Amino acid sequence: MSEKEKINIVYIDDDRDEAISEYLSEDYQNERYNVEYKEVGFEGDKGYESLLDSPEVASANVYINRF
């Protein structure tokens, strides 16, 4: 049996949604991939450029944002 490929999902939000966060961190699974999930808070006063400096954002395969 071969090892599953890893996929990084990052949820970006300025006002975290508990339902989304809970689903992605506790309930979401994928048969084809090992899913690694992280959350990054967006601070509007720092601008979008601050997201580019985030190692979590830089390593993500999938971005979910809500702001």
C-alpha atoms as a PDB file:
ATOM      1  CA  MET A   1       0.000   0.000   0.000  1.00  0.00           C
ATOM      2  CA  SER A   2       1.465   3.355  -1.003  1.00  0.00           C
ATOM      3  CA  GLU A   3       1.559   6.355   1.273  1.00  0.00           C
ATOM      4  CA  LYS A   4      -1.010   9.054   0.568  1.00  0.00           C
ATOM      5  CA  GLU A   5       0.145  12.413  -0.748  1.00  0.00           C
ATOM      6  CA  LYS A   6      -0.156  15.320   1.684  1.00  0.00           C
ATOM      7  CA  ILE A   7      -2.303  18.350   0.909  1.00  0.00           C
ATOM      8  CA  ASN A   8      -2.169  21.580   2.921  1.00  0.00           C
ATOM      9  CA  ILE A   9      -5.422  23.488   3.418  1.00  0.00           C
ATOM     10  CA  VAL A  10      -5.274  26.987   4.894  1.00  0.00           C
ATOM     11  CA  TYR A  11      -8.361  28.849   6.080  1.00  0.00           C
ATOM     12  CA  ILE A  12      -7.837  32.631   6.043  1.00  0.00           C
ATOM     13  CA  ASP A  13     -10.346  34.888   7.746  1.00  0.00           C
ATOM     14  CA  ASP A  14     -10.522  38.239   9.497  1.00  0.00           C
ATOM     15  CA  ASP A  15     -13.454  37.023  11.613  1.00  0.00           C
ATOM     16  CA  ARG A  16     -13.184  33.259  12.011  1.00  0.00           C
ATOM     17  CA  ASP A  17     -16.347  31.262  11.323  1.00  0.00           C
ATOM     18  CA  GLU A  18     -16.641  28.540  13.973  1.00  0.00           C
ATOM     19  CA  ALA A  19     -18.645  26.199  11.720  1.00  0.00           C
ATOM     20  CA  ILE A  20     -16.076  26.328   8.914  1.00  0.00           C
ATOM     21  CA  SER A  21     -13.199  25.991  11.352  1.00  0.00           C
ATOM     22  CA  GLU A  22     -14.746  23.020  13.128  1.00  0.00           C
ATOM     23  CA  TYR A  23     -15.630  21.228   9.902  1.00  0.00           C
ATOM     24  CA  LEU A  24     -12.168  21.606   8.401  1.00  0.00           C
ATOM     25  CA  SER A  25     -10.255  20.813  11.583  1.00  0.00           C
ATOM     26  CA  GLU A  26     -12.379  17.927  12.869  1.00  0.00           C
ATOM     27  CA  ASP A  27     -14.696  16.522  10.211  1.00  0.00           C
ATOM     28  CA  TYR A  28     -13.139  16.957   6.778  1.00  0.00           C
ATOM     29  CA  GLN A  29     -11.282  13.912   5.465  1.00  0.00           C
ATOM     30  CA  ASN A  30     -10.167  12.781   2.054  1.00  0.00           C
ATOM     31  CA  GLU A  31      -9.537   9.210   0.956  1.00  0.00           C
ATOM     32  CA  ARG A  32      -6.809  10.170  -1.520  1.00  0.00           C
ATOM     33  CA  TYR A  33      -4.796  12.635   0.584  1.00  0.00           C
ATOM     34  CA  ASN A  34      -3.455  13.159   4.067  1.00  0.00           C
ATOM     35  CA  VAL A  35      -4.954  16.536   4.888  1.00  0.00           C
ATOM     36  CA  GLU A  36      -3.050  19.046   6.980  1.00  0.00           C
ATOM     37  CA  TYR A  37      -5.205  21.973   8.073  1.00  0.00           C
ATOM     38  CA  LYS A  38      -4.123  25.371   9.399  1.00  0.00           C
ATOM     39  CA  GLU A  39      -5.798  28.685  10.140  1.00  0.00           C
ATOM     40  CA  VAL A  40      -4.385  32.130   9.495  1.00  0.00           C
ATOM     41  CA  GLY A  41      -5.999  35.292  10.773  1.00  0.00           C
ATOM     42  CA  PHE A  42      -6.198  38.196   8.355  1.00  0.00           C
ATOM     43  CA  GLU A  43      -5.433  41.601   9.812  1.00  0.00           C
ATOM     44  CA  GLY A  44      -6.691  44.265   7.421  1.00  0.00           C
ATOM     45  CA  ASP A  45      -4.417  46.959   8.810  1.00  0.00           C
ATOM     46  CA  LYS A  46      -1.387  44.880   7.784  1.00  0.00           C
ATOM     47  CA  GLY A  47      -2.691  44.370   4.246  1.00  0.00           C
ATOM     48  CA  TYR A  48      -2.721  41.404   1.929  1.00  0.00           C
ATOM     49  CA  GLU A  49       1.055  41.519   1.614  1.00  0.00           C
ATOM     50  CA  SER A  50       1.313  40.188   5.170  1.00  0.00           C
ATOM     51  CA  LEU A  51      -0.302  36.954   3.997  1.00  0.00           C
ATOM     52  CA  LEU A  52       2.502  36.463   1.495  1.00  0.00           C
ATOM     53  CA  ASP A  53       5.007  36.459   4.372  1.00  0.00           C
ATOM     54  CA  SER A  54       3.146  33.703   6.208  1.00  0.00           C
ATOM     55  CA  PRO A  55       4.833  30.273   5.968  1.00  0.00           C
ATOM     56  CA  GLU A  56       1.418  28.623   6.348  1.00  0.00           C
ATOM     57  CA  VAL A  57       0.058  30.509   3.349  1.00  0.00           C
ATOM     58  CA  ALA A  58       3.213  29.931   1.295  1.00  0.00           C
ATOM     59  CA  SER A  59       3.027  26.149   1.822  1.00  0.00           C
ATOM     60  CA  ALA A  60      -0.712  25.786   1.149  1.00  0.00           C
ATOM     61  CA  ASN A  61      -2.139  23.818  -1.753  1.00  0.00           C
ATOM     62  CA  VAL A  62      -5.701  25.022  -1.092  1.00  0.00           C
ATOM     63  CA  TYR A  63      -6.828  28.403   0.267  1.00  0.00           C
ATOM     64  CA  ILE A  64     -10.203  29.028   1.798  1.00  0.00           C
ATOM     65  CA  ASN A  65     -10.859  32.658   2.601  1.00  0.00           C
ATOM     66  CA  ARG A  66     -13.833  34.592   3.839  1.00  0.00           C
ATOM     67  CA  PHE A  67     -13.237  38.322   4.185  1.00  0.00           C
END
